[in-house]
N, C-alpha and C. Protein backbone atom coordinates (compact mmCIF):
# COMPACT_ATOMS: atom_id res chain seq x y z
N MET A 1 -42.57 -36.49 2.88
CA MET A 1 -41.26 -36.88 3.63
C MET A 1 -41.95 -37.90 4.66
N PHE A 2 -41.06 -39.06 4.63
CA PHE A 2 -41.37 -40.00 5.58
C PHE A 2 -40.31 -40.09 6.74
N HIS A 3 -40.79 -40.16 8.03
CA HIS A 3 -40.10 -40.17 9.21
C HIS A 3 -39.88 -41.48 9.80
N TYR A 4 -38.69 -41.83 10.11
CA TYR A 4 -38.37 -43.23 10.65
C TYR A 4 -37.47 -43.37 11.82
N ASP A 5 -37.66 -44.04 12.80
CA ASP A 5 -36.82 -44.06 14.05
C ASP A 5 -36.50 -45.59 14.02
N TYR A 6 -35.10 -45.78 14.21
CA TYR A 6 -34.38 -47.07 14.20
C TYR A 6 -33.60 -47.30 15.38
N LYS A 7 -33.97 -48.28 16.11
CA LYS A 7 -33.28 -48.83 17.30
C LYS A 7 -31.98 -49.43 16.83
N THR A 8 -30.91 -48.85 17.41
CA THR A 8 -29.62 -49.39 17.01
C THR A 8 -29.26 -50.68 18.02
N GLU A 9 -28.29 -51.50 17.43
CA GLU A 9 -27.74 -52.59 18.20
C GLU A 9 -26.25 -52.58 18.28
N ASN A 10 -25.78 -53.02 19.40
CA ASN A 10 -24.28 -53.06 19.75
C ASN A 10 -23.51 -51.76 19.47
N THR A 11 -24.16 -50.44 19.67
CA THR A 11 -23.54 -49.26 19.66
C THR A 11 -23.73 -48.47 20.89
N CYS A 12 -23.01 -47.41 21.07
CA CYS A 12 -23.28 -46.47 22.13
C CYS A 12 -24.57 -45.58 21.75
N SER A 13 -24.73 -45.37 20.60
CA SER A 13 -25.97 -44.64 20.38
C SER A 13 -27.10 -45.66 20.47
N GLN A 14 -28.28 -45.15 20.89
CA GLN A 14 -29.51 -46.05 21.00
C GLN A 14 -30.47 -45.89 19.89
N LEU A 15 -30.45 -44.67 19.32
CA LEU A 15 -31.60 -44.56 18.28
C LEU A 15 -31.02 -43.60 17.18
N ILE A 16 -31.51 -43.86 15.86
CA ILE A 16 -31.27 -43.07 14.79
C ILE A 16 -32.63 -42.73 14.20
N SER A 17 -32.93 -41.42 14.19
CA SER A 17 -34.02 -40.77 13.53
C SER A 17 -33.65 -40.22 12.20
N LEU A 18 -34.54 -40.31 11.17
CA LEU A 18 -34.18 -39.76 9.93
C LEU A 18 -35.52 -39.70 9.09
N ASP A 19 -35.45 -38.72 8.11
CA ASP A 19 -36.36 -38.55 7.17
C ASP A 19 -35.98 -39.05 5.73
N LEU A 20 -37.01 -39.65 5.06
CA LEU A 20 -36.73 -40.02 3.69
C LEU A 20 -37.62 -39.31 2.70
N ASP A 21 -37.11 -38.70 1.52
CA ASP A 21 -38.04 -38.18 0.45
C ASP A 21 -37.77 -39.29 -0.63
N GLU A 22 -38.47 -40.12 -0.80
CA GLU A 22 -38.39 -41.37 -1.63
C GLU A 22 -37.18 -42.10 -1.36
N ASN A 23 -36.01 -41.88 -1.98
CA ASN A 23 -34.79 -42.58 -1.44
C ASN A 23 -33.72 -41.66 -1.14
N VAL A 24 -33.99 -40.46 -0.76
CA VAL A 24 -33.01 -39.43 -0.42
C VAL A 24 -33.11 -39.14 1.18
N VAL A 25 -31.97 -39.23 1.82
CA VAL A 25 -31.94 -39.21 3.24
C VAL A 25 -31.80 -37.65 3.69
N HIS A 26 -32.57 -37.36 4.69
CA HIS A 26 -32.50 -35.97 5.32
C HIS A 26 -32.62 -36.21 6.83
N ASN A 27 -32.05 -34.98 7.53
CA ASN A 27 -32.44 -34.82 8.83
C ASN A 27 -32.10 -35.98 9.88
N VAL A 28 -30.93 -36.57 9.67
CA VAL A 28 -30.45 -37.73 10.63
C VAL A 28 -29.98 -37.15 12.03
N ILE A 29 -30.64 -37.76 12.82
CA ILE A 29 -30.31 -37.43 14.36
C ILE A 29 -29.92 -38.80 14.99
N PHE A 30 -28.77 -38.75 15.76
CA PHE A 30 -28.39 -39.92 16.50
C PHE A 30 -28.70 -39.58 18.13
N THR A 31 -29.27 -40.41 18.77
CA THR A 31 -29.49 -40.34 20.20
C THR A 31 -28.50 -41.19 20.95
N GLY A 32 -27.46 -40.50 21.83
CA GLY A 32 -26.38 -41.17 22.33
C GLY A 32 -25.30 -41.28 21.55
N GLY A 33 -24.29 -41.89 21.91
CA GLY A 33 -23.14 -42.15 21.15
C GLY A 33 -22.04 -40.89 21.27
N CYS A 34 -21.03 -41.14 20.36
CA CYS A 34 -19.91 -40.10 20.39
C CYS A 34 -20.47 -38.76 19.75
N ASN A 35 -20.56 -37.86 20.66
CA ASN A 35 -21.21 -36.49 20.34
C ASN A 35 -20.74 -35.79 19.09
N GLY A 36 -19.40 -35.71 19.00
CA GLY A 36 -18.62 -35.09 17.82
C GLY A 36 -18.95 -35.71 16.53
N ASN A 37 -18.69 -36.96 16.62
CA ASN A 37 -18.78 -37.89 15.26
C ASN A 37 -20.22 -37.87 14.79
N LEU A 38 -21.16 -38.12 15.74
CA LEU A 38 -22.51 -38.22 15.41
C LEU A 38 -23.17 -36.90 14.94
N LYS A 39 -22.46 -35.75 15.26
CA LYS A 39 -22.96 -34.58 14.47
C LYS A 39 -22.32 -34.48 13.16
N ALA A 40 -21.32 -34.94 13.01
CA ALA A 40 -20.56 -34.83 11.64
C ALA A 40 -21.30 -35.71 10.58
N ILE A 41 -21.47 -36.98 10.94
CA ILE A 41 -21.94 -37.90 9.93
C ILE A 41 -23.29 -37.36 9.24
N PRO A 42 -24.33 -36.85 9.96
CA PRO A 42 -25.48 -36.29 9.48
C PRO A 42 -25.24 -35.17 8.47
N ILE A 43 -24.24 -34.44 8.73
CA ILE A 43 -23.92 -33.14 7.91
C ILE A 43 -23.43 -33.71 6.61
N LEU A 44 -22.49 -34.64 6.71
CA LEU A 44 -21.80 -35.31 5.48
C LEU A 44 -22.74 -36.01 4.56
N ILE A 45 -23.86 -36.77 5.17
CA ILE A 45 -24.47 -37.59 4.33
C ILE A 45 -25.82 -36.93 3.91
N GLU A 46 -26.16 -35.76 4.50
CA GLU A 46 -27.35 -35.03 4.04
C GLU A 46 -27.58 -35.01 2.59
N GLY A 47 -28.66 -35.49 1.89
CA GLY A 47 -28.99 -35.51 0.56
C GLY A 47 -28.48 -36.70 -0.17
N TRP A 48 -27.89 -37.71 0.55
CA TRP A 48 -27.40 -38.92 -0.11
C TRP A 48 -28.64 -39.86 -0.35
N THR A 49 -28.51 -40.68 -1.32
CA THR A 49 -29.54 -41.84 -1.47
C THR A 49 -29.16 -42.90 -0.50
N VAL A 50 -30.31 -43.59 -0.35
CA VAL A 50 -30.22 -44.95 0.39
C VAL A 50 -28.96 -45.71 0.00
N GLU A 51 -28.78 -45.81 -1.30
CA GLU A 51 -27.66 -46.74 -1.85
C GLU A 51 -26.41 -46.04 -1.55
N GLU A 52 -26.27 -44.74 -1.70
CA GLU A 52 -24.91 -44.17 -1.45
C GLU A 52 -24.54 -44.30 0.17
N VAL A 53 -25.62 -44.20 0.93
CA VAL A 53 -25.29 -44.42 2.36
C VAL A 53 -24.97 -45.89 2.53
N GLU A 54 -25.58 -46.87 2.01
CA GLU A 54 -25.22 -48.28 2.15
C GLU A 54 -23.79 -48.61 1.59
N ASN A 55 -23.52 -48.08 0.36
CA ASN A 55 -22.34 -48.35 -0.34
C ASN A 55 -21.10 -47.87 0.53
N LYS A 56 -21.28 -46.71 1.08
CA LYS A 56 -20.10 -46.02 1.75
C LYS A 56 -19.94 -46.52 3.26
N LEU A 57 -21.08 -46.85 3.89
CA LEU A 57 -21.04 -47.13 5.28
C LEU A 57 -21.28 -48.47 5.82
N THR A 58 -21.84 -49.32 4.96
CA THR A 58 -21.92 -50.77 5.51
C THR A 58 -20.70 -51.40 5.77
N GLY A 59 -20.48 -51.99 6.82
CA GLY A 59 -19.36 -52.80 7.20
C GLY A 59 -18.32 -51.89 8.05
N VAL A 60 -18.57 -50.77 8.12
CA VAL A 60 -17.64 -49.92 9.06
C VAL A 60 -17.71 -50.53 10.51
N LEU A 61 -16.75 -50.82 11.05
CA LEU A 61 -16.73 -51.26 12.41
C LEU A 61 -16.29 -50.34 13.46
N CYS A 62 -16.37 -50.50 14.69
CA CYS A 62 -16.03 -49.72 15.89
C CYS A 62 -15.28 -50.64 16.82
N GLY A 63 -13.97 -50.60 16.71
CA GLY A 63 -13.28 -51.32 17.71
C GLY A 63 -13.51 -52.78 17.52
N ARG A 64 -13.90 -53.52 18.70
CA ARG A 64 -14.09 -54.98 18.43
C ARG A 64 -15.44 -55.34 18.20
N ARG A 65 -16.38 -54.23 18.06
CA ARG A 65 -17.85 -54.62 17.89
C ARG A 65 -17.98 -55.01 16.49
N PRO A 66 -19.12 -55.78 16.37
CA PRO A 66 -19.58 -56.18 14.92
C PRO A 66 -20.27 -55.27 14.13
N THR A 67 -20.28 -54.06 14.54
CA THR A 67 -20.96 -52.96 13.95
C THR A 67 -20.36 -51.68 14.34
N SER A 68 -20.89 -50.51 13.94
CA SER A 68 -20.59 -49.21 14.33
C SER A 68 -21.78 -48.28 14.16
N CYS A 69 -21.88 -47.03 14.59
CA CYS A 69 -23.05 -46.15 14.30
C CYS A 69 -23.30 -45.95 12.87
N ALA A 70 -22.04 -45.87 12.07
CA ALA A 70 -22.17 -45.68 10.69
C ALA A 70 -22.86 -46.95 10.05
N ASP A 71 -22.41 -48.06 10.36
CA ASP A 71 -22.90 -49.30 9.97
C ASP A 71 -24.36 -49.28 10.19
N GLN A 72 -24.81 -49.05 11.41
CA GLN A 72 -26.36 -49.07 11.87
C GLN A 72 -26.96 -48.03 11.09
N LEU A 73 -26.42 -46.92 10.72
CA LEU A 73 -27.21 -45.83 9.78
C LEU A 73 -27.31 -46.38 8.51
N ALA A 74 -26.51 -47.24 8.08
CA ALA A 74 -26.77 -47.99 6.67
C ALA A 74 -27.96 -48.87 6.76
N LYS A 75 -28.02 -49.48 7.86
CA LYS A 75 -29.14 -50.41 8.22
C LYS A 75 -30.30 -49.63 8.42
N ALA A 76 -30.34 -48.62 9.10
CA ALA A 76 -31.44 -47.66 9.34
C ALA A 76 -32.13 -47.22 8.04
N VAL A 77 -31.28 -46.61 7.12
CA VAL A 77 -31.81 -46.17 5.91
C VAL A 77 -32.42 -47.20 5.08
N ARG A 78 -32.00 -48.27 5.06
CA ARG A 78 -32.52 -49.48 4.31
C ARG A 78 -33.93 -49.71 4.90
N ALA A 79 -33.83 -50.02 6.25
CA ALA A 79 -35.16 -50.21 6.94
C ALA A 79 -36.08 -49.29 6.83
N ALA A 80 -35.76 -47.95 6.76
CA ALA A 80 -36.73 -46.84 6.53
C ALA A 80 -37.31 -46.87 5.04
N TYR A 81 -36.28 -47.20 4.17
CA TYR A 81 -36.89 -47.19 2.82
C TYR A 81 -37.90 -48.33 2.55
N GLU A 82 -37.63 -49.37 3.19
CA GLU A 82 -38.59 -50.56 3.03
C GLU A 82 -39.96 -50.29 3.70
N ALA A 83 -39.73 -49.62 4.89
CA ALA A 83 -41.08 -49.22 5.64
C ALA A 83 -41.83 -48.25 4.76
N GLU A 84 -41.18 -47.29 4.24
CA GLU A 84 -41.67 -46.20 3.30
C GLU A 84 -42.59 -46.89 2.25
N LYS A 85 -41.82 -47.71 1.50
CA LYS A 85 -42.51 -48.61 0.46
C LYS A 85 -43.79 -49.26 0.94
N GLN A 86 -43.79 -49.83 2.15
CA GLN A 86 -44.91 -50.45 2.63
C GLN A 86 -45.98 -49.53 2.97
N ALA A 87 -45.78 -48.33 3.42
CA ALA A 87 -46.64 -47.42 3.78
C ALA A 87 -47.26 -46.75 2.65
N SER A 88 -46.72 -46.83 1.49
CA SER A 88 -47.18 -46.30 0.43
C SER A 88 -48.45 -46.92 -0.26
């Protein structure tokens, strides 16, 4: 299991922590942000692959912001996947 912390940009949440088992996402935790929504997203995506998260969440926006916590999660899982490959 590979642990990764991703510093978010342009969102209320400041950090996304997650674990990867090859390309399967586990244990997502958001620091900051909308408490209810950011408790639900990790439950919904538990066990998804990096590709599934990217396909479903990339491009989701929050109001006038150029991103959202969901969009940042898509970026975080890809960054974690690339870091996991480099660490191997």
